[in-house]
C-alpha atoms as a PDB file:
ATOM      1  CA  UNK A   1     121.177  89.171  94.051  1.00  0.00           C
ATOM      2  CA  UNK A   2     120.646  90.824  90.613  1.00  0.00           C
ATOM      3  CA  UNK A   3     119.982  94.272  92.065  1.00  0.00           C
ATOM      4  CA  UNK A   4     123.338  94.411  93.857  1.00  0.00           C
ATOM      5  CA  UNK A   5     124.651  95.858  90.598  1.00  0.00           C
ATOM      6  CA  UNK A   6     122.330  98.843  91.015  1.00  0.00           C
ATOM      7  CA  UNK A   7     125.023 100.821  92.834  1.00  0.00           C
ATOM      8  CA  UNK A   8     127.011 101.062  89.584  1.00  0.00           C
ATOM      9  CA  UNK A   9     124.116 102.479  87.585  1.00  0.00           C
ATOM     10  CA  UNK A  10     122.963 106.028  87.009  1.00  0.00           C
ATOM     11  CA  UNK A  11     119.727 106.850  88.828  1.00  0.00           C
ATOM     12  CA  UNK A  12     120.464 104.055  91.318  1.00  0.00           C
ATOM     13  CA  UNK A  13     118.011 105.354  93.932  1.00  0.00           C
ATOM     14  CA  UNK A  14     115.243 106.026  91.429  1.00  0.00           C
ATOM     15  CA  UNK A  15     115.512 102.586  89.791  1.00  0.00           C
ATOM     16  CA  UNK A  16     115.566 100.890  93.203  1.00  0.00           C
ATOM     17  CA  UNK A  17     112.469 102.819  94.321  1.00  0.00           C
ATOM     18  CA  UNK A  18     110.473 101.914  91.208  1.00  0.00           C
ATOM     19  CA  UNK A  19     111.544  98.271  91.516  1.00  0.00           C
ATOM     20  CA  UNK A  20     110.367  98.211  95.133  1.00  0.00           C
ATOM     21  CA  UNK A  21     107.064  99.823  94.102  1.00  0.00           C
ATOM     22  CA  UNK A  22     106.513  97.076  91.526  1.00  0.00           C
ATOM     23  CA  UNK A  23     107.149  94.354  94.111  1.00  0.00           C
ATOM     24  CA  UNK A  24     104.784  96.080  96.569  1.00  0.00           C
ATOM     25  CA  UNK A  25     102.095  96.219  93.878  1.00  0.00           C
ATOM     26  CA  UNK A  26     102.281  92.471  93.377  1.00  0.00           C
ATOM     27  CA  UNK A  27     102.481  91.725  97.101  1.00  0.00           C
ATOM     28  CA  UNK A  28      99.638  94.120  98.023  1.00  0.00           C
ATOM     29  CA  UNK A  29      97.187  91.874  96.160  1.00  0.00           C
ATOM     30  CA  UNK A  30      98.412  88.883  98.154  1.00  0.00           C
ATOM     31  CA  UNK A  31      98.491  90.840 101.437  1.00  0.00           C
ATOM     32  CA  UNK A  32      94.871  91.835 100.894  1.00  0.00           C
ATOM     33  CA  UNK A  33      93.916  88.187 100.394  1.00  0.00           C
ATOM     34  CA  UNK A  34      95.889  87.088 103.464  1.00  0.00           C
ATOM     35  CA  UNK A  35      94.174  89.834 105.475  1.00  0.00           C
ATOM     36  CA  UNK A  36      90.939  87.856 105.243  1.00  0.00           C
ATOM     37  CA  UNK A  37      92.532  85.201 107.452  1.00  0.00           C
ATOM     38  CA  UNK A  38      95.459  86.756 109.325  1.00  0.00           C
ATOM     39  CA  UNK A  39      94.895  89.810 111.594  1.00  0.00           C
ATOM     40  CA  UNK A  40      96.947  92.934 110.666  1.00  0.00           C
ATOM     41  CA  UNK A  41      99.289  92.918 113.667  1.00  0.00           C
ATOM     42  CA  UNK A  42     100.006  89.194 113.238  1.00  0.00           C
ATOM     43  CA  UNK A  43     100.604  89.637 109.500  1.00  0.00           C
ATOM     44  CA  UNK A  44     103.106  92.379 110.283  1.00  0.00           C
ATOM     45  CA  UNK A  45     104.812  90.232 112.928  1.00  0.00           C
ATOM     46  CA  UNK A  46     104.933  87.201 110.652  1.00  0.00           C
ATOM     47  CA  UNK A  47     106.433  89.042 107.704  1.00  0.00           C
ATOM     48  CA  UNK A  48     108.916  90.795 109.988  1.00  0.00           C
ATOM     49  CA  UNK A  49     110.185  87.580 111.581  1.00  0.00           C
ATOM     50  CA  UNK A  50     110.514  85.689 108.292  1.00  0.00           C
ATOM     51  CA  UNK A  51     112.192  88.616 106.509  1.00  0.00           C
ATOM     52  CA  UNK A  52     114.593  89.094 109.442  1.00  0.00           C
ATOM     53  CA  UNK A  53     115.735  85.479 109.042  1.00  0.00           C
ATOM     54  CA  UNK A  54     116.274  86.037 105.309  1.00  0.00           C
ATOM     55  CA  UNK A  55     118.247  89.259 105.849  1.00  0.00           C
ATOM     56  CA  UNK A  56     120.379  87.690 108.571  1.00  0.00           C
ATOM     57  CA  UNK A  57     121.199  84.720 106.311  1.00  0.00           C
ATOM     58  CA  UNK A  58     122.073  87.098 103.449  1.00  0.00           C
ATOM     59  CA  UNK A  59     124.429  89.099 105.672  1.00  0.00           C
ATOM     60  CA  UNK A  60     126.198  85.891 106.682  1.00  0.00           C
ATOM     61  CA  UNK A  61     126.535  84.797 103.042  1.00  0.00           C
ATOM     62  CA  UNK A  62     127.918  88.191 102.014  1.00  0.00           C
ATOM     63  CA  UNK A  63     130.155  88.423 105.097  1.00  0.00           C
ATOM     64  CA  UNK A  64     128.630  91.810 105.965  1.00  0.00           C
ATOM     65  CA  UNK A  65     128.301  91.724 109.798  1.00  0.00           C
ATOM     66  CA  UNK A  66     126.114  94.158 111.702  1.00  0.00           C
ATOM     67  CA  UNK A  67     128.733  94.381 114.467  1.00  0.00           C
ATOM     68  CA  UNK A  68     130.660  97.088 112.593  1.00  0.00           C
ATOM     69  CA  UNK A  69     127.673  99.450 112.416  1.00  0.00           C
ATOM     70  CA  UNK A  70     128.075 102.598 114.584  1.00  0.00           C
ATOM     71  CA  UNK A  71     125.896 102.695 117.705  1.00  0.00           C
ATOM     72  CA  UNK A  72     124.238 105.964 116.622  1.00  0.00           C
ATOM     73  CA  UNK A  73     123.217 104.342 113.334  1.00  0.00           C
ATOM     74  CA  UNK A  74     121.776 101.316 115.153  1.00  0.00           C
ATOM     75  CA  UNK A  75     119.807 103.606 117.481  1.00  0.00           C
ATOM     76  CA  UNK A  76     118.396 105.790 114.704  1.00  0.00           C
ATOM     77  CA  UNK A  77     117.531 102.836 112.465  1.00  0.00           C
ATOM     78  CA  UNK A  78     115.860 101.090 115.402  1.00  0.00           C
ATOM     79  CA  UNK A  79     113.663 104.156 115.954  1.00  0.00           C
ATOM     80  CA  UNK A  80     112.972 104.278 112.219  1.00  0.00           C
ATOM     81  CA  UNK A  81     111.982 100.610 112.154  1.00  0.00           C
ATOM     82  CA  UNK A  82     109.763 100.822 115.235  1.00  0.00           C
ATOM     83  CA  UNK A  83     107.871 103.795 113.792  1.00  0.00           C
ATOM     84  CA  UNK A  84     107.855 103.004 110.081  1.00  0.00           C
ATOM     85  CA  UNK A  85     107.576  99.204 110.134  1.00  0.00           C
ATOM     86  CA  UNK A  86     106.276  98.287 113.590  1.00  0.00           C
ATOM     87  CA  UNK A  87     103.556 100.922 113.872  1.00  0.00           C
ATOM     88  CA  UNK A  88     103.244 102.189 110.296  1.00  0.00           C
ATOM     89  CA  UNK A  89     102.831  98.833 108.532  1.00  0.00           C
ATOM     90  CA  UNK A  90     100.355  97.608 111.149  1.00  0.00           C
ATOM     91  CA  UNK A  91      98.296 100.784 110.636  1.00  0.00           C
ATOM     92  CA  UNK A  92      98.528 100.244 106.865  1.00  0.00           C
ATOM     93  CA  UNK A  93      97.261  96.655 107.077  1.00  0.00           C
ATOM     94  CA  UNK A  94      94.435  97.794 109.355  1.00  0.00           C
ATOM     95  CA  UNK A  95      93.436 100.516 106.898  1.00  0.00           C
ATOM     96  CA  UNK A  96      93.700  98.010 104.048  1.00  0.00           C
ATOM     97  CA  UNK A  97      91.225  95.689 105.756  1.00  0.00           C
ATOM     98  CA  UNK A  98      88.743  98.525 106.422  1.00  0.00           C
ATOM     99  CA  UNK A  99      88.971 100.637 103.258  1.00  0.00           C
ATOM    100  CA  UNK A 100      90.423  98.264 100.672  1.00  0.00           C
ATOM    101  CA  UNK A 101      93.582  98.810  98.579  1.00  0.00           C
ATOM    102  CA  UNK A 102      92.489 101.801  96.451  1.00  0.00           C
ATOM    103  CA  UNK A 103      91.366 104.185  99.179  1.00  0.00           C
ATOM    104  CA  UNK A 104      94.083 103.133 101.624  1.00  0.00           C
ATOM    105  CA  UNK A 105      96.738 103.812  98.998  1.00  0.00           C
ATOM    106  CA  UNK A 106      95.074 107.157  98.260  1.00  0.00           C
ATOM    107  CA  UNK A 107      95.575 108.266 101.873  1.00  0.00           C
ATOM    108  CA  UNK A 108      99.062 106.794 102.134  1.00  0.00           C
ATOM    109  CA  UNK A 109     100.007 108.830  99.060  1.00  0.00           C
ATOM    110  CA  UNK A 110     100.408 111.705 101.531  1.00  0.00           C
ATOM    111  CA  UNK A 111     103.657 110.037 102.659  1.00  0.00           C
ATOM    112  CA  UNK A 112     105.867 111.593  99.909  1.00  0.00           C
ATOM    113  CA  UNK A 113     104.686 115.102 100.777  1.00  0.00           C
ATOM    114  CA  UNK A 114     105.215 114.496 104.496  1.00  0.00           C
ATOM    115  CA  UNK A 115     108.641 113.015 103.753  1.00  0.00           C
ATOM    116  CA  UNK A 116     109.807 115.879 101.528  1.00  0.00           C
ATOM    117  CA  UNK A 117     108.725 118.489 104.085  1.00  0.00           C
ATOM    118  CA  UNK A 118     110.383 116.651 106.992  1.00  0.00           C
ATOM    119  CA  UNK A 119     113.572 116.184 104.936  1.00  0.00           C
ATOM    120  CA  UNK A 120     113.778 119.909 104.228  1.00  0.00           C
ATOM    121  CA  UNK A 121     113.286 120.720 107.937  1.00  0.00           C
ATOM    122  CA  UNK A 122     115.461 118.069 109.571  1.00  0.00           C
ATOM    123  CA  UNK A 123     117.936 116.938 106.885  1.00  0.00           C
ATOM    124  CA  UNK A 124     118.255 120.337 105.181  1.00  0.00           C
ATOM    125  CA  UNK A 125     117.836 118.673 101.803  1.00  0.00           C
ATOM    126  CA  UNK A 126     117.438 121.111  98.951  1.00  0.00           C
ATOM    127  CA  UNK A 127     114.803 120.001  96.459  1.00  0.00           C
ATOM    128  CA  UNK A 128     114.625 122.242  93.345  1.00  0.00           C
ATOM    129  CA  UNK A 129     111.269 123.541  92.175  1.00  0.00           C
ATOM    130  CA  UNK A 130     111.313 120.969  89.365  1.00  0.00           C
ATOM    131  CA  UNK A 131     111.580 118.263  92.032  1.00  0.00           C
ATOM    132  CA  UNK A 132     108.515 119.601  93.853  1.00  0.00           C
ATOM    133  CA  UNK A 133     106.716 119.766  90.490  1.00  0.00           C
ATOM    134  CA  UNK A 134     107.598 116.131  89.764  1.00  0.00           C
ATOM    135  CA  UNK A 135     106.386 115.042  93.207  1.00  0.00           C
ATOM    136  CA  UNK A 136     103.114 116.945  92.774  1.00  0.00           C
ATOM    137  CA  UNK A 137     102.426 115.693  89.237  1.00  0.00           C
ATOM    138  CA  UNK A 138     103.172 112.085  90.213  1.00  0.00           C
ATOM    139  CA  UNK A 139     100.927 112.258  93.295  1.00  0.00           C
ATOM    140  CA  UNK A 140      98.060 113.820  91.315  1.00  0.00           C
ATOM    141  CA  UNK A 141      98.348 111.106  88.654  1.00  0.00           C
ATOM    142  CA  UNK A 142      98.262 108.326  91.254  1.00  0.00           C
ATOM    143  CA  UNK A 143      95.348 109.947  93.073  1.00  0.00           C
ATOM    144  CA  UNK A 144      93.413 110.230  89.826  1.00  0.00           C
ATOM    145  CA  UNK A 145      93.864 106.508  89.180  1.00  0.00           C
ATOM    146  CA  UNK A 146      92.969 105.404  92.712  1.00  0.00           C
ATOM    147  CA  UNK A 147      89.864 107.561  93.133  1.00  0.00           C
ATOM    148  CA  UNK A 148      88.129 106.220  90.030  1.00  0.00           C
ATOM    149  CA  UNK A 149      86.387 103.415  91.874  1.00  0.00           C
ATOM    150  CA  UNK A 150      83.044 104.477  93.345  1.00  0.00           C
ATOM    151  CA  UNK A 151      82.280 103.790  96.976  1.00  0.00           C
ATOM    152  CA  UNK A 152      79.101 102.143  98.226  1.00  0.00           C
ATOM    153  CA  UNK A 153      76.512 104.492  99.719  1.00  0.00           C
ATOM    154  CA  UNK A 154      75.740 102.153 102.617  1.00  0.00           C
ATOM    155  CA  UNK A 155      79.210 102.341 104.140  1.00  0.00           C
ATOM    156  CA  UNK A 156      79.484 102.696 107.899  1.00  0.00           C
ATOM    157  CA  UNK A 157      80.818 106.205 108.623  1.00  0.00           C
ATOM    158  CA  UNK A 158      82.501 105.032 111.827  1.00  0.00           C
ATOM    159  CA  UNK A 159      84.466 102.412 109.894  1.00  0.00           C
ATOM    160  CA  UNK A 160      85.252 104.993 107.217  1.00  0.00           C
ATOM    161  CA  UNK A 161      86.831 107.392 109.706  1.00  0.00           C
ATOM    162  CA  UNK A 162      88.679 104.545 111.403  1.00  0.00           C
ATOM    163  CA  UNK A 163      90.126 103.554 108.043  1.00  0.00           C
ATOM    164  CA  UNK A 164      91.095 107.158 107.251  1.00  0.00           C
ATOM    165  CA  UNK A 165      92.802 107.467 110.650  1.00  0.00           C
ATOM    166  CA  UNK A 166      94.857 104.303 110.130  1.00  0.00           C
ATOM    167  CA  UNK A 167      95.778 105.362 106.589  1.00  0.00           C
ATOM    168  CA  UNK A 168      96.881 108.808 107.775  1.00  0.00           C
ATOM    169  CA  UNK A 169      98.970 107.325 110.592  1.00  0.00           C
ATOM    170  CA  UNK A 170     100.551 104.883 108.147  1.00  0.00           C
ATOM    171  CA  UNK A 171     101.539 107.763 105.841  1.00  0.00           C
ATOM    172  CA  UNK A 172     102.993 109.857 108.668  1.00  0.00           C
ATOM    173  CA  UNK A 173     104.850 106.866 110.140  1.00  0.00           C
ATOM    174  CA  UNK A 174     106.339 106.002 106.745  1.00  0.00           C
ATOM    175  CA  UNK A 175     107.546 109.576 106.329  1.00  0.00           C
ATOM    176  CA  UNK A 176     109.184 109.754 109.755  1.00  0.00           C
ATOM    177  CA  UNK A 177     110.783 106.328 109.321  1.00  0.00           C
ATOM    178  CA  UNK A 178     112.091 107.249 105.864  1.00  0.00           C
ATOM    179  CA  UNK A 179     113.685 110.521 106.997  1.00  0.00           C
ATOM    180  CA  UNK A 180     115.418 108.904 109.974  1.00  0.00           C
ATOM    181  CA  UNK A 181     116.596 106.048 107.765  1.00  0.00           C
ATOM    182  CA  UNK A 182     117.940 108.477 105.167  1.00  0.00           C
ATOM    183  CA  UNK A 183     119.966 110.252 107.877  1.00  0.00           C
ATOM    184  CA  UNK A 184     121.570 106.995 109.043  1.00  0.00           C
ATOM    185  CA  UNK A 185     122.386 105.879 105.492  1.00  0.00           C
ATOM    186  CA  UNK A 186     124.014 109.157 104.509  1.00  0.00           C
ATOM    187  CA  UNK A 187     125.711 110.176 107.771  1.00  0.00           C
ATOM    188  CA  UNK A 188     127.206 106.792 108.757  1.00  0.00           C
ATOM    189  CA  UNK A 189     128.832 103.845 106.971  1.00  0.00           C
ATOM    190  CA  UNK A 190     125.863 101.501 107.419  1.00  0.00           C
ATOM    191  CA  UNK A 191     124.904  99.573 104.271  1.00  0.00           C
ATOM    192  CA  UNK A 192     121.424  99.282 102.816  1.00  0.00           C
ATOM    193  CA  UNK A 193     121.303  95.579 103.735  1.00  0.00           C
ATOM    194  CA  UNK A 194     122.430  96.196 107.322  1.00  0.00           C
ATOM    195  CA  UNK A 195     119.935  99.029 107.730  1.00  0.00           C
ATOM    196  CA  UNK A 196     117.092  96.851 106.445  1.00  0.00           C
ATOM    197  CA  UNK A 197     117.879  94.146 109.020  1.00  0.00           C
ATOM    198  CA  UNK A 198     118.134  96.607 111.931  1.00  0.00           C
ATOM    199  CA  UNK A 199     114.847  98.291 110.980  1.00  0.00           C
ATOM    200  CA  UNK A 200     113.058  94.955 110.711  1.00  0.00           C
ATOM    201  CA  UNK A 201     114.343  93.725 114.088  1.00  0.00           C
ATOM    202  CA  UNK A 202     113.150  96.964 115.700  1.00  0.00           C
ATOM    203  CA  UNK A 203     109.792  96.649 113.958  1.00  0.00           C
ATOM    204  CA  UNK A 204     109.346  93.082 115.209  1.00  0.00           C
ATOM    205  CA  UNK A 205     110.325  94.108 118.758  1.00  0.00           C
ATOM    206  CA  UNK A 206     107.761  96.939 118.663  1.00  0.00           C
ATOM    207  CA  UNK A 207     105.013  94.554 117.536  1.00  0.00           C
ATOM    208  CA  UNK A 208     105.863  92.004 120.248  1.00  0.00           C
ATOM    209  CA  UNK A 209     105.702  94.703 122.930  1.00  0.00           C
ATOM    210  CA  UNK A 210     102.386  95.900 121.465  1.00  0.00           C
ATOM    211  CA  UNK A 211     100.966  92.369 121.626  1.00  0.00           C
ATOM    212  CA  UNK A 212     102.155  91.912 125.234  1.00  0.00           C
ATOM    213  CA  UNK A 213     100.642  95.238 126.326  1.00  0.00           C
ATOM    214  CA  UNK A 214      97.311  94.420 124.682  1.00  0.00           C
ATOM    215  CA  UNK A 215      97.529  90.810 125.936  1.00  0.00           C
ATOM    216  CA  UNK A 216      96.274  89.820 122.537  1.00  0.00           C
ATOM    217  CA  UNK A 217      95.734  86.185 121.645  1.00  0.00           C
ATOM    218  CA  UNK A 218      97.618  85.261 118.511  1.00  0.00           C
ATOM    219  CA  UNK A 219      97.776  82.407 115.981  1.00  0.00           C
ATOM    220  CA  UNK A 220      94.087  81.568 116.397  1.00  0.00           C
ATOM    221  CA  UNK A 221      93.816  81.496 112.601  1.00  0.00           C
ATOM    222  CA  UNK A 222      96.240  78.539 112.430  1.00  0.00           C
ATOM    223  CA  UNK A 223      94.233  75.354 111.898  1.00  0.00           C
ATOM    224  CA  UNK A 224      95.765  71.895 111.347  1.00  0.00           C
ATOM    225  CA  UNK A 225      95.369  70.604 107.814  1.00  0.00           C
ATOM    226  CA  UNK A 226      94.127  73.870 106.324  1.00  0.00           C
ATOM    227  CA  UNK A 227      97.254  76.041 106.140  1.00  0.00           C
ATOM    228  CA  UNK A 228      99.825  74.605 103.628  1.00  0.00           C
ATOM    229  CA  UNK A 229      98.630  76.817 100.765  1.00  0.00           C
ATOM    230  CA  UNK A 230      98.274  79.768 103.119  1.00  0.00           C
ATOM    231  CA  UNK A 231     101.840  79.367 104.367  1.00  0.00           C
ATOM    232  CA  UNK A 232     103.099  79.098 100.800  1.00  0.00           C
ATOM    233  CA  UNK A 233     101.461  82.439  99.993  1.00  0.00           C
ATOM    234  CA  UNK A 234     102.941  83.967 103.152  1.00  0.00           C
ATOM    235  CA  UNK A 235     106.464  82.866 102.180  1.00  0.00           C
ATOM    236  CA  UNK A 236     106.116  84.234  98.635  1.00  0.00           C
ATOM    237  CA  UNK A 237     104.725  87.583  99.761  1.00  0.00           C
ATOM    238  CA  UNK A 238     107.429  87.961 102.429  1.00  0.00           C
ATOM    239  CA  UNK A 239     110.207  87.328  99.903  1.00  0.00           C
ATOM    240  CA  UNK A 240     108.958  89.781  97.287  1.00  0.00           C
ATOM    241  CA  UNK A 241     107.030  92.300  99.390  1.00  0.00           C
ATOM    242  CA  UNK A 242     109.281  92.533 102.452  1.00  0.00           C
ATOM    243  CA  UNK A 243     112.729  91.026 101.908  1.00  0.00           C
ATOM    244  CA  UNK A 244     113.448  92.282  98.380  1.00  0.00           C
ATOM    245  CA  UNK A 245     111.245  95.391  98.532  1.00  0.00           C
ATOM    246  CA  UNK A 246     112.661  96.733 101.818  1.00  0.00           C
ATOM    247  CA  UNK A 247     116.232  96.107 100.623  1.00  0.00           C
ATOM    248  CA  UNK A 248     115.485  98.096  97.469  1.00  0.00           C
ATOM    249  CA  UNK A 249     113.752 100.773  99.555  1.00  0.00           C
ATOM    250  CA  UNK A 250     116.894 101.247 101.661  1.00  0.00           C
ATOM    251  CA  UNK A 251     119.009 101.497  98.486  1.00  0.00           C
ATOM    252  CA  UNK A 252     116.622 104.195  97.252  1.00  0.00           C
ATOM    253  CA  UNK A 253     116.920 106.152 100.513  1.00  0.00           C
ATOM    254  CA  UNK A 254     120.709 105.899 100.303  1.00  0.00           C
ATOM    255  CA  UNK A 255     121.147 107.114  96.753  1.00  0.00           C
ATOM    256  CA  UNK A 256     118.518 109.817  96.180  1.00  0.00           C
ATOM    257  CA  UNK A 257     116.677 112.566  98.056  1.00  0.00           C
ATOM    258  CA  UNK A 258     114.236 110.930 100.413  1.00  0.00           C
ATOM    259  CA  UNK A 259     111.221 112.931  99.193  1.00  0.00           C
ATOM    260  CA  UNK A 260     111.845 111.828  95.613  1.00  0.00           C
ATOM    261  CA  UNK A 261     112.476 108.234  96.698  1.00  0.00           C
ATOM    262  CA  UNK A 262     109.235 108.135  98.681  1.00  0.00           C
ATOM    263  CA  UNK A 263     107.307 109.541  95.707  1.00  0.00           C
ATOM    264  CA  UNK A 264     108.604 106.805  93.418  1.00  0.00           C
ATOM    265  CA  UNK A 265     107.925 104.190  96.087  1.00  0.00           C
ATOM    266  CA  UNK A 266     104.309 105.415  96.126  1.00  0.00           C
ATOM    267  CA  UNK A 267     103.792 104.457  92.470  1.00  0.00           C
ATOM    268  CA  UNK A 268     102.760 100.907  93.407  1.00  0.00           C
ATOM    269  CA  UNK A 269      99.100 101.519  92.379  1.00  0.00           C
ATOM    270  CA  UNK A 270     100.244 102.205  88.814  1.00  0.00           C
ATOM    271  CA  UNK A 271     101.834  98.769  88.600  1.00  0.00           C
ATOM    272  CA  UNK A 272      98.599  97.190  89.812  1.00  0.00           C
ATOM    273  CA  UNK A 273      96.863  98.298  86.586  1.00  0.00           C
ATOM    274  CA  UNK A 274      98.849  96.060  84.186  1.00  0.00           C
ATOM    275  CA  UNK A 275      98.195  93.159  86.550  1.00  0.00           C
ATOM    276  CA  UNK A 276      94.480  93.956  86.350  1.00  0.00           C
ATOM    277  CA  UNK A 277      94.682  93.961  82.535  1.00  0.00           C
ATOM    278  CA  UNK A 278      96.346  90.524  82.569  1.00  0.00           C
ATOM    279  CA  UNK A 279      93.438  89.332  84.709  1.00  0.00           C
ATOM    280  CA  UNK A 280      90.991  90.473  82.036  1.00  0.00           C
ATOM    281  CA  UNK A 281      89.985  93.878  83.434  1.00  0.00           C
ATOM    282  CA  UNK A 282      89.494  96.737  80.958  1.00  0.00           C
ATOM    283  CA  UNK A 283      91.149 100.066  81.727  1.00  0.00           C
ATOM    284  CA  UNK A 284      89.153 103.282  81.424  1.00  0.00           C
ATOM    285  CA  UNK A 285      90.421 106.429  79.736  1.00  0.00           C
ATOM    286  CA  UNK A 286      90.691 108.015  83.193  1.00  0.00           C
ATOM    287  CA  UNK A 287      93.025 105.250  84.403  1.00  0.00           C
ATOM    288  CA  UNK A 288      95.199 105.589  81.320  1.00  0.00           C
ATOM    289  CA  UNK A 289      95.302 109.400  81.669  1.00  0.00           C
ATOM    290  CA  UNK A 290      96.222 109.098  85.347  1.00  0.00           C
ATOM    291  CA  UNK A 291      99.068 106.713  84.529  1.00  0.00           C
ATOM    292  CA  UNK A 292     100.384 109.027  81.801  1.00  0.00           C
ATOM    293  CA  UNK A 293     100.267 111.979  84.204  1.00  0.00           C
ATOM    294  CA  UNK A 294     102.098 110.052  86.914  1.00  0.00           C
ATOM    295  CA  UNK A 295     104.690 108.797  84.426  1.00  0.00           C
ATOM    296  CA  UNK A 296     105.319 112.380  83.282  1.00  0.00           C
ATOM    297  CA  UNK A 297     105.921 113.305  86.924  1.00  0.00           C
ATOM    298  CA  UNK A 298     108.359 110.406  87.257  1.00  0.00           C
ATOM    299  CA  UNK A 299     110.099 111.642  84.113  1.00  0.00           C
ATOM    300  CA  UNK A 300     110.588 115.053  85.732  1.00  0.00           C
ATOM    301  CA  UNK A 301     112.143 113.401  88.802  1.00  0.00           C
ATOM    302  CA  UNK A 302     114.578 111.474  86.597  1.00  0.00           C
ATOM    303  CA  UNK A 303     115.518 114.624  84.664  1.00  0.00           C
ATOM    304  CA  UNK A 304     116.686 116.338  87.862  1.00  0.00           C
ATOM    305  CA  UNK A 305     118.603 113.230  89.031  1.00  0.00           C
END
């Protein structure tokens, strides 16, 4: 994999986080489209199972067995995966279906702040004031970009609050999962690839238990003769948005402060804008100003690296 060389670069964690954010930006457009057909919990289960197979195959190819991972690391990463991937991603997909990408991402932008605060409390990480400034400036820039779109006046308030709840839970779950993952990656000898696999397995297990408890019927969207293109999209989005992105995310958590990593991971909306331009959409001055503000915040984070 090309990004295996990241560990020899300066700003390894920061570069990995921005790379993951770019992949999430691309995949979020596809996830939104898939959400019209595949229910959130099934989408999460599907991507988790397929990505687990890919990670397991990669570990075999690289001769990097999970059997040498300390039990405490397995336990902590399993908790991280159940909370951050199993519950958090399902809540995110649910919010995405209710609120749409812009407003869901606006709420989930709380994740870096939650993460930084939890890291200070539980990991005793020391973030300098310039780091807090960079986090704040980046978050404000992203928020400014996301909030530009006007909402319809006829929106159902019940659905609105449901969407806000799922977005908030997604942000909190991401923060908790990130902090626990950071602890395992820095306090044990587990690799980023191993940690990604363990987290995904735990996330899949959580989803399966959730489905069994709810006695939910699944795979009703699968219809003979109408799914080849759909499955092709699923495979593509799993490779870029789960397999590669989560691997890069774990590298980011391993090599930089988790609050900073989570802030850079939250820049996905900024990468959506160039994609929109390529599709013929014109950017407003507000969008451009928001991007410049967020980029200046990212610059501050790199300066303290």
